Amino acid sequence: MTMWKPMPRTAEATAVYDAAEADRSARPERYRLGKASVDAVVSRAAKGVDGTFLGDPSEWREGLERYLESAEEDGRLNAIGVKVAFGTAVARLRARLLMNRHLAACPEISERPLTPPIVIVGGWRTGTTFLFRLLATDPRFRAPLSAELSTPWRFDGATESRREELLDAPAGSQDHLHFLNPALATVHDFGSRLPEECVLAMGGDFRNWGFSSTMRLDSYSAWLADQDLTASYARYREILQTLDAEDGRRWVLKAPAHLPELPRLAAAFPGACIVHLHRDIVETIASGASLFSVFRSTYSDDVDPCDVARFQTDQTELWLRRASAFRDSAAASSVEIVDVRYRDLVSTTASVLKRIYTAAGIEPPGDPEGMIADYHATRPRHGRGVHRYTPAQFGLDENELRRRWAFSGF
């Protein structure tokens, strides 16, 4: 059996990694994470801004400590990975501070009406990105872009020319990621003009399921499973209110990481139409393990495919059991849930679209086949290469997975 291995790095990327490791050897004090780095993160995040806008430390400090400790102890990070973990912590904390400052200056934002969104959820690699970006081509919808999610306060009241400048701001960092790990474009294409996942806007309180998608953060994920994300989702609603143009377009959102938090999602967005995608569990776990392995190989030189599959399996079961429990709760009546099988999404896309539009109370497009054809013309399915993987590459037992998921009904 041939196990998964990362794509060999280019000579140019190798030179960047080698330079970072040399710097870590020469200046190890700059590559420390854990609790020892918390104050440095806070100082950097509040640089030049009134730090009181960070708010009550009880709302974010423990999560920050858990994240940094897990990155240090569990992450197996290379030098670039350490820098990214530290930079992510700074960026999320600074975003919290600047968003708090903006809301304090514009308290009316929290009163802005928000039409219940369409929210796409599902296990990793179940077609969520395809459906999300397809729906986003309908001019009656609006999907958030990466720059909007990362710095929403900058877009509130921005002129069109300023908005265009802001949208292209993340392009440099995205190009750098593709330079370091070209395989990323095959497993999950991203760009400054492509709709992105909600998790990019969440985590100012360091409660974010998306963190573990790019790094090995086992102890952080175990801690997160016992946290209440009600405040996290209330803040995300305020972010969308900040971005909303009040032009009648309806938000279409997407994140697999919403699955374990459906009660919080429903509380923040009553009346939402939740589209839950389902795929054969072996395909879901194997494809997700491949995705996680590729992402993690950017920041670690020690990615064990069986370890990734173990994490992916346990996390997916937790998420789907929580989603199942939500369906059986009274809170489920506050939203509309549409179940879609992956094979139907791929083979009968137009019919699936009509079901979603009807459930959301929106007139379906007059020419759904044309809408689909236009999307595929601009974004061909394998335009960035074919994502190839097998369950055996990650040590997965197909029969055991199917027995383990008998509870799901899909």
Protein backbone atom coordinates (compact mmCIF):
# COMPACT_ATOMS: atom_id res chain seq x y z
CA MET A 1 0.00 0.00 0.00
CA THR A 2 1.40 3.39 -1.03
CA MET A 3 0.67 6.03 1.60
CA TRP A 4 -0.03 9.65 0.78
CA LYS A 5 3.02 11.87 0.39
CA PRO A 6 3.18 15.62 -0.20
CA MET A 7 4.07 16.97 -3.60
CA PRO A 8 7.83 17.67 -3.80
CA ARG A 9 8.58 21.34 -3.30
CA THR A 10 9.97 23.40 -6.13
CA ALA A 11 13.56 24.58 -5.87
CA GLU A 12 12.32 28.14 -5.34
CA ALA A 13 9.95 27.15 -2.53
CA THR A 14 12.63 24.96 -0.93
CA ALA A 15 14.94 27.95 -0.78
CA VAL A 16 12.28 29.93 1.11
CA TYR A 17 11.71 27.12 3.60
CA ASP A 18 15.46 26.63 4.10
CA ALA A 19 15.97 30.33 4.74
CA ALA A 20 13.20 30.30 7.35
CA GLU A 21 14.73 27.30 9.12
CA ALA A 22 18.15 28.98 9.13
CA ASP A 23 16.59 32.05 10.70
CA ARG A 24 14.89 29.90 13.34
CA SER A 25 18.23 28.33 14.22
CA ALA A 26 19.92 31.71 14.46
CA ARG A 27 17.08 33.49 16.32
CA PRO A 28 14.98 30.86 18.12
CA GLU A 29 13.41 33.48 20.37
CA ARG A 30 11.42 34.73 17.38
CA TYR A 31 9.82 31.33 16.84
CA ARG A 32 8.22 30.70 20.20
CA LEU A 33 4.55 29.95 20.58
CA GLY A 34 2.62 28.69 23.59
CA LYS A 35 1.66 30.85 26.57
CA ALA A 36 5.01 32.60 26.42
CA SER A 37 3.94 34.29 23.19
CA VAL A 38 0.49 35.49 24.27
CA ASP A 39 1.58 38.91 25.46
CA ALA A 40 3.62 39.42 22.29
CA VAL A 41 0.53 38.62 20.20
CA VAL A 42 -1.60 41.05 22.20
CA SER A 43 1.01 43.79 21.94
CA ARG A 44 1.36 43.35 18.19
CA ALA A 45 -2.40 43.23 17.65
CA ALA A 46 -3.01 46.44 19.60
CA LYS A 47 -0.09 48.37 18.10
CA GLY A 48 -1.13 51.94 17.36
CA VAL A 49 -4.73 51.38 18.49
CA ASP A 50 -6.53 51.74 21.80
CA GLY A 51 -6.20 48.25 23.28
CA THR A 52 -9.34 48.62 25.39
CA PHE A 53 -11.34 47.79 22.26
CA LEU A 54 -10.20 44.20 22.64
CA GLY A 55 -12.90 43.94 25.27
CA ASP A 56 -13.07 41.61 28.24
CA PRO A 57 -10.05 39.22 28.16
CA SER A 58 -12.28 36.45 29.53
CA GLU A 59 -13.94 36.39 26.12
CA TRP A 60 -10.79 35.69 24.10
CA ARG A 61 -7.63 35.11 26.16
CA GLU A 62 -8.19 31.44 27.02
CA GLY A 63 -8.91 30.61 23.38
CA LEU A 64 -5.76 32.46 22.31
CA GLU A 65 -3.69 30.54 24.86
CA ARG A 66 -5.19 27.21 23.79
CA TYR A 67 -4.55 27.95 20.13
CA LEU A 68 -0.92 28.94 20.64
CA GLU A 69 -0.22 26.05 23.02
CA SER A 70 -1.70 23.54 20.60
CA ALA A 71 0.22 24.99 17.66
CA GLU A 72 3.43 24.62 19.66
CA GLU A 73 2.78 21.17 21.16
CA ASP A 74 0.68 19.46 18.49
CA GLY A 75 1.46 21.32 15.29
CA ARG A 76 4.81 19.78 14.27
CA LEU A 77 5.31 23.10 12.53
CA ASN A 78 8.18 24.11 10.31
CA ALA A 79 9.56 27.63 10.63
CA ILE A 80 7.07 29.07 8.16
CA GLY A 81 4.26 27.31 10.02
CA VAL A 82 5.31 28.95 13.30
CA LYS A 83 5.29 32.36 11.64
CA VAL A 84 1.86 31.72 10.16
CA ALA A 85 0.41 30.52 13.48
CA PHE A 86 1.71 33.63 15.24
CA GLY A 87 0.54 35.88 12.39
CA THR A 88 -2.91 34.29 12.39
CA ALA A 89 -3.26 34.94 16.11
CA VAL A 90 -2.25 38.59 15.63
CA ALA A 91 -4.58 39.06 12.67
CA ARG A 92 -7.62 37.56 14.40
CA LEU A 93 -7.07 39.56 17.57
CA ARG A 94 -6.51 42.80 15.67
CA ALA A 95 -9.63 42.15 13.60
CA ARG A 96 -11.55 41.78 16.85
CA LEU A 97 -10.19 45.08 18.13
CA LEU A 98 -10.88 47.06 14.95
CA MET A 99 -14.34 45.55 14.54
CA ASN A 100 -15.19 46.45 18.14
CA ARG A 101 -13.99 49.99 17.54
CA HIS A 102 -16.09 50.26 14.38
CA LEU A 103 -19.22 48.97 16.10
CA ALA A 104 -18.71 51.40 18.96
CA ALA A 105 -18.54 54.28 16.46
CA CYS A 106 -21.52 52.97 14.45
CA PRO A 107 -23.93 51.31 16.92
CA GLU A 108 -26.74 51.46 14.36
CA ILE A 109 -25.10 48.58 12.48
CA SER A 110 -26.57 46.02 14.87
CA GLU A 111 -30.07 47.30 13.99
CA ARG A 112 -29.69 46.88 10.24
CA PRO A 113 -32.25 44.37 8.91
CA LEU A 114 -30.81 41.17 7.48
CA THR A 115 -32.82 38.85 5.26
CA PRO A 116 -32.39 35.23 6.40
CA PRO A 117 -29.47 33.83 4.39
CA ILE A 118 -29.03 30.60 2.49
CA VAL A 119 -26.31 28.64 4.33
CA ILE A 120 -24.57 25.66 2.74
CA VAL A 121 -23.17 23.05 5.11
CA GLY A 122 -21.92 19.49 4.85
CA GLY A 123 -18.91 17.33 5.51
CA TRP A 124 -15.62 18.29 3.95
CA ARG A 125 -15.52 17.70 0.18
CA THR A 126 -19.25 17.16 -0.26
CA GLY A 127 -19.72 19.75 -3.02
CA THR A 128 -20.26 22.75 -0.75
CA THR A 129 -17.81 24.99 -2.62
CA PHE A 130 -19.27 24.17 -6.03
CA LEU A 131 -22.86 24.86 -4.93
CA PHE A 132 -21.83 27.98 -3.03
CA ARG A 133 -20.02 29.56 -5.94
CA LEU A 134 -22.69 28.49 -8.41
CA LEU A 135 -25.46 30.19 -6.40
CA ALA A 136 -23.25 33.27 -6.04
CA THR A 137 -23.50 33.84 -9.80
CA ASP A 138 -27.20 34.71 -9.39
CA PRO A 139 -27.33 38.55 -9.18
CA ARG A 140 -30.08 38.28 -6.57
CA PHE A 141 -27.57 36.76 -4.16
CA ARG A 142 -24.43 38.03 -2.54
CA ALA A 143 -21.56 35.85 -1.28
CA PRO A 144 -18.76 37.26 0.88
CA LEU A 145 -15.25 37.55 -0.53
CA SER A 146 -12.06 36.93 1.43
CA ALA A 147 -11.11 40.58 1.96
CA GLU A 148 -14.63 41.40 3.15
CA LEU A 149 -14.55 38.58 5.67
CA SER A 150 -11.08 39.48 6.94
CA THR A 151 -11.58 43.26 7.26
CA PRO A 152 -15.32 44.01 7.16
CA TRP A 153 -15.06 47.41 8.84
CA ARG A 154 -13.06 48.75 5.88
CA PHE A 155 -15.94 48.12 3.49
CA ASP A 156 -18.64 49.93 5.45
CA GLY A 157 -19.38 53.08 3.44
CA ALA A 158 -16.45 52.54 1.05
CA THR A 159 -16.70 54.05 -2.44
CA GLU A 160 -16.75 51.64 -5.37
CA SER A 161 -13.15 52.47 -6.31
CA ARG A 162 -12.00 51.98 -2.73
CA ARG A 163 -13.91 48.72 -2.55
CA GLU A 164 -12.11 47.45 -5.64
CA GLU A 165 -8.76 48.26 -4.06
CA LEU A 166 -9.69 46.47 -0.85
CA LEU A 167 -10.92 43.36 -2.66
CA ASP A 168 -7.56 42.83 -4.33
CA ALA A 169 -5.57 43.34 -1.11
CA PRO A 170 -5.31 39.63 -0.15
CA ALA A 171 -4.11 38.57 -3.62
CA GLY A 172 -0.43 38.78 -2.67
CA SER A 173 -0.72 36.40 0.27
CA GLN A 174 -2.81 33.98 -1.80
CA ASP A 175 -0.21 34.00 -4.57
CA HIS A 176 2.47 33.30 -1.96
CA LEU A 177 0.53 30.27 -0.71
CA HIS A 178 0.30 28.89 -4.24
CA PHE A 179 4.04 29.51 -4.61
CA LEU A 180 4.82 27.56 -1.44
CA ASN A 181 2.39 24.72 -2.19
CA PRO A 182 1.01 24.55 -5.76
CA ALA A 183 -1.10 21.49 -4.83
CA LEU A 184 -3.46 23.79 -2.92
CA ALA A 185 -4.98 25.09 -6.15
CA THR A 186 -6.03 21.54 -7.08
CA VAL A 187 -7.69 20.60 -3.78
CA HIS A 188 -9.29 23.99 -3.04
CA ASP A 189 -9.03 26.87 -5.47
CA PHE A 190 -9.17 30.33 -3.93
CA GLY A 191 -8.70 33.91 -5.05
CA SER A 192 -9.57 37.47 -4.13
CA ARG A 193 -12.68 37.47 -6.37
CA LEU A 194 -13.97 34.06 -5.34
CA PRO A 195 -16.59 33.65 -2.58
CA GLU A 196 -15.07 32.25 0.60
CA GLU A 197 -16.05 30.44 3.77
CA CYS A 198 -17.57 32.15 6.78
CA VAL A 199 -14.75 30.91 9.04
CA LEU A 200 -12.46 33.63 7.61
CA ALA A 201 -14.54 36.19 9.51
CA MET A 202 -14.86 34.18 12.70
CA GLY A 203 -12.41 33.49 15.51
CA GLY A 204 -11.90 36.90 17.09
CA ASP A 205 -12.64 35.06 20.32
CA PHE A 206 -10.42 32.15 19.19
CA ARG A 207 -13.34 29.78 18.92
CA ASN A 208 -13.17 28.64 15.33
CA TRP A 209 -13.44 25.12 13.91
CA GLY A 210 -11.65 26.31 10.79
CA PHE A 211 -8.29 26.70 12.54
CA SER A 212 -7.62 22.95 12.50
CA SER A 213 -8.08 22.68 8.73
CA THR A 214 -4.59 23.96 7.99
CA MET A 215 -2.60 22.87 11.05
CA ARG A 216 -2.52 19.95 13.44
CA LEU A 217 -4.31 21.34 16.52
CA ASP A 218 -5.60 18.30 18.37
CA SER A 219 -5.69 19.68 21.93
CA TYR A 220 -7.24 22.96 20.71
CA SER A 221 -9.95 21.03 18.85
CA ALA A 222 -10.71 18.94 21.94
CA TRP A 223 -11.07 22.14 24.00
CA LEU A 224 -13.23 23.78 21.34
CA ALA A 225 -15.69 20.89 21.40
CA ASP A 226 -16.77 21.97 24.89
CA GLN A 227 -17.11 25.70 24.13
CA ASP A 228 -20.27 27.74 23.58
CA LEU A 229 -20.07 29.60 20.25
CA THR A 230 -23.26 31.64 20.72
CA ALA A 231 -21.33 34.91 20.96
CA SER A 232 -19.21 33.94 17.95
CA TYR A 233 -22.28 33.63 15.76
CA ALA A 234 -23.84 36.82 17.11
CA ARG A 235 -20.64 38.62 16.11
CA TYR A 236 -20.74 37.03 12.66
CA ARG A 237 -24.24 38.41 12.18
CA GLU A 238 -22.88 41.90 12.99
CA ILE A 239 -20.14 41.39 10.43
CA LEU A 240 -22.69 40.61 7.73
CA GLN A 241 -24.76 43.59 8.82
CA THR A 242 -21.63 45.71 8.42
CA LEU A 243 -21.06 44.39 4.90
CA ASP A 244 -24.69 44.39 3.80
CA ALA A 245 -25.40 46.91 1.04
CA GLU A 246 -29.13 47.00 1.89
CA ASP A 247 -29.85 46.54 -1.81
CA GLY A 248 -32.22 43.58 -1.49
CA ARG A 249 -29.67 40.90 -2.34
CA ARG A 250 -29.75 37.85 -0.12
CA TRP A 251 -26.63 36.45 1.47
CA VAL A 252 -25.53 32.99 0.45
CA LEU A 253 -22.99 31.56 2.90
CA LYS A 254 -20.96 28.40 3.24
CA ALA A 255 -18.79 26.54 5.73
CA PRO A 256 -18.56 22.85 6.64
CA ALA A 257 -17.58 24.11 10.10
CA HIS A 258 -21.16 25.28 10.72
CA LEU A 259 -22.26 21.64 11.06
CA PRO A 260 -21.46 21.22 14.78
CA GLU A 261 -22.89 24.67 15.53
CA LEU A 262 -26.31 24.56 13.88
CA PRO A 263 -28.13 25.65 17.08
CA ARG A 264 -25.94 28.76 17.26
CA LEU A 265 -26.34 29.40 13.53
CA ALA A 266 -30.12 29.12 13.79
CA ALA A 267 -30.19 31.49 16.77
CA ALA A 268 -28.15 34.10 14.90
CA PHE A 269 -30.07 33.73 11.62
CA PRO A 270 -33.67 32.67 12.32
CA GLY A 271 -35.49 31.75 9.14
CA ALA A 272 -32.29 30.75 7.33
CA CYS A 273 -32.42 28.12 4.61
CA ILE A 274 -29.79 25.54 5.51
CA VAL A 275 -28.68 23.31 2.62
CA HIS A 276 -27.04 20.17 4.00
CA LEU A 277 -24.97 18.21 1.47
CA HIS A 278 -24.38 14.47 1.98
CA ARG A 279 -21.78 12.25 0.33
CA ASP A 280 -20.73 8.63 0.74
CA ILE A 281 -18.85 8.64 4.04
CA VAL A 282 -15.76 6.89 2.64
CA GLU A 283 -15.45 9.51 -0.08
CA THR A 284 -16.06 12.28 2.45
CA ILE A 285 -13.40 11.12 4.89
CA ALA A 286 -10.81 10.16 2.27
CA SER A 287 -11.20 13.38 0.30
CA GLY A 288 -11.16 15.44 3.50
CA ALA A 289 -8.03 13.66 4.71
CA SER A 290 -6.36 14.45 1.40
CA LEU A 291 -7.41 18.10 1.65
CA PHE A 292 -6.16 18.43 5.23
CA SER A 293 -2.90 16.68 4.43
CA VAL A 294 -2.16 19.05 1.55
CA PHE A 295 -2.97 22.10 3.65
CA ARG A 296 -0.93 20.90 6.62
CA SER A 297 2.08 20.07 4.43
CA THR A 298 2.46 23.80 3.78
CA TYR A 299 3.24 24.41 7.44
CA SER A 300 4.68 21.09 8.58
CA ASP A 301 7.34 18.74 7.27
CA ASP A 302 5.92 15.90 9.39
CA VAL A 303 2.42 15.11 8.11
CA ASP A 304 1.30 11.56 8.91
CA PRO A 305 -1.60 10.65 6.56
CA CYS A 306 -3.01 8.07 9.01
CA ASP A 307 -2.97 10.65 11.80
CA VAL A 308 -4.78 13.13 9.56
CA ALA A 309 -7.38 10.49 8.69
CA ARG A 310 -7.86 9.64 12.37
CA PHE A 311 -8.49 13.31 13.17
CA GLN A 312 -10.74 13.74 10.14
CA THR A 313 -12.78 10.67 11.06
CA ASP A 314 -13.29 11.64 14.70
CA GLN A 315 -14.11 15.26 13.89
CA THR A 316 -16.57 14.37 11.14
CA GLU A 317 -18.42 11.96 13.43
CA LEU A 318 -18.65 14.64 16.13
CA TRP A 319 -19.95 17.19 13.65
CA LEU A 320 -22.55 14.91 12.08
CA ARG A 321 -23.82 13.61 15.42
CA ARG A 322 -24.30 17.19 16.58
CA ALA A 323 -26.08 18.06 13.34
CA SER A 324 -28.34 15.04 13.80
CA ALA A 325 -29.15 16.09 17.37
CA PHE A 326 -30.07 19.58 16.13
CA ARG A 327 -32.57 18.10 13.67
CA ASP A 328 -34.32 16.40 16.59
CA SER A 329 -34.48 19.60 18.65
CA ALA A 330 -37.17 22.28 18.81
CA ALA A 331 -34.67 24.83 17.48
CA ALA A 332 -34.72 23.12 14.08
CA SER A 333 -38.20 24.51 13.45
CA SER A 334 -36.74 28.03 13.24
CA VAL A 335 -34.94 27.24 9.97
CA GLU A 336 -35.63 25.47 6.69
CA ILE A 337 -33.40 22.44 6.04
CA VAL A 338 -32.84 21.05 2.56
CA ASP A 339 -30.98 17.74 2.24
CA VAL A 340 -29.02 17.20 -0.97
CA ARG A 341 -27.07 14.13 -1.94
CA TYR A 342 -23.71 14.80 -3.61
CA ARG A 343 -24.50 12.47 -6.51
CA ASP A 344 -27.72 14.41 -7.19
CA LEU A 345 -25.87 17.71 -7.05
CA VAL A 346 -23.47 16.44 -9.71
CA SER A 347 -25.91 14.56 -11.95
CA THR A 348 -29.13 16.61 -11.66
CA THR A 349 -27.83 20.06 -10.73
CA ALA A 350 -30.76 21.99 -12.20
CA SER A 351 -33.30 20.00 -10.19
CA VAL A 352 -31.29 20.55 -7.01
CA LEU A 353 -31.20 24.29 -7.68
CA LYS A 354 -34.98 24.41 -8.08
CA ARG A 355 -35.44 22.60 -4.75
CA ILE A 356 -33.17 25.08 -2.97
CA TYR A 357 -34.79 28.16 -4.47
CA THR A 358 -38.27 26.87 -3.65
CA ALA A 359 -37.31 26.08 -0.06
CA ALA A 360 -35.82 29.56 0.32
CA GLY A 361 -38.98 31.19 -1.07
CA ILE A 362 -37.22 32.59 -4.14
CA GLU A 363 -38.28 32.25 -7.76
CA PRO A 364 -35.92 29.76 -9.44
CA PRO A 365 -33.81 31.08 -12.32
CA GLY A 366 -35.56 30.98 -15.67
CA ASP A 367 -32.71 29.09 -17.30
CA PRO A 368 -30.96 26.98 -14.66
CA GLU A 369 -29.18 24.90 -17.30
CA GLY A 370 -27.72 28.06 -18.80
CA MET A 371 -26.66 29.28 -15.35
CA ILE A 372 -24.85 25.97 -14.77
CA ALA A 373 -23.23 25.99 -18.22
CA ASP A 374 -21.99 29.55 -17.74
CA TYR A 375 -20.45 28.61 -14.40
CA HIS A 376 -18.63 25.59 -15.81
CA ALA A 377 -17.41 27.64 -18.76
CA THR A 378 -15.69 30.14 -16.48
CA ARG A 379 -14.65 27.65 -13.78
CA PRO A 380 -14.16 24.19 -15.34
CA ARG A 381 -14.23 21.43 -12.76
CA HIS A 382 -10.65 20.29 -13.28
CA GLY A 383 -9.26 23.59 -14.51
CA ARG A 384 -6.53 23.55 -11.84
CA GLY A 385 -5.83 19.83 -12.08
CA VAL A 386 -7.48 16.62 -10.84
CA HIS A 387 -7.62 15.87 -7.12
CA ARG A 388 -6.64 12.20 -6.85
CA TYR A 389 -6.72 10.12 -3.67
CA THR A 390 -7.71 6.69 -2.34
CA PRO A 391 -8.87 5.60 1.14
CA ALA A 392 -5.90 3.23 1.35
CA GLN A 393 -3.47 6.16 1.12
CA PHE A 394 -4.73 7.24 4.56
CA GLY A 395 -5.07 3.82 6.17
CA LEU A 396 -8.87 3.94 6.11
CA ASP A 397 -11.03 0.84 6.53
CA GLU A 398 -14.06 1.36 4.27
CA ASN A 399 -16.27 -1.22 5.96
CA GLU A 400 -15.52 0.15 9.41
CA LEU A 401 -16.35 3.68 8.30
CA ARG A 402 -19.72 2.60 6.94
CA ARG A 403 -20.54 0.70 10.14
CA ARG A 404 -19.54 3.71 12.21
CA TRP A 405 -21.84 6.00 10.21
CA ALA A 406 -24.93 3.82 10.19
CA PHE A 407 -26.57 6.38 12.50
CA SER A 408 -26.64 9.12 9.86
CA GLY A 409 -29.25 7.64 7.54
CA PHE A 410 -27.38 8.90 4.46
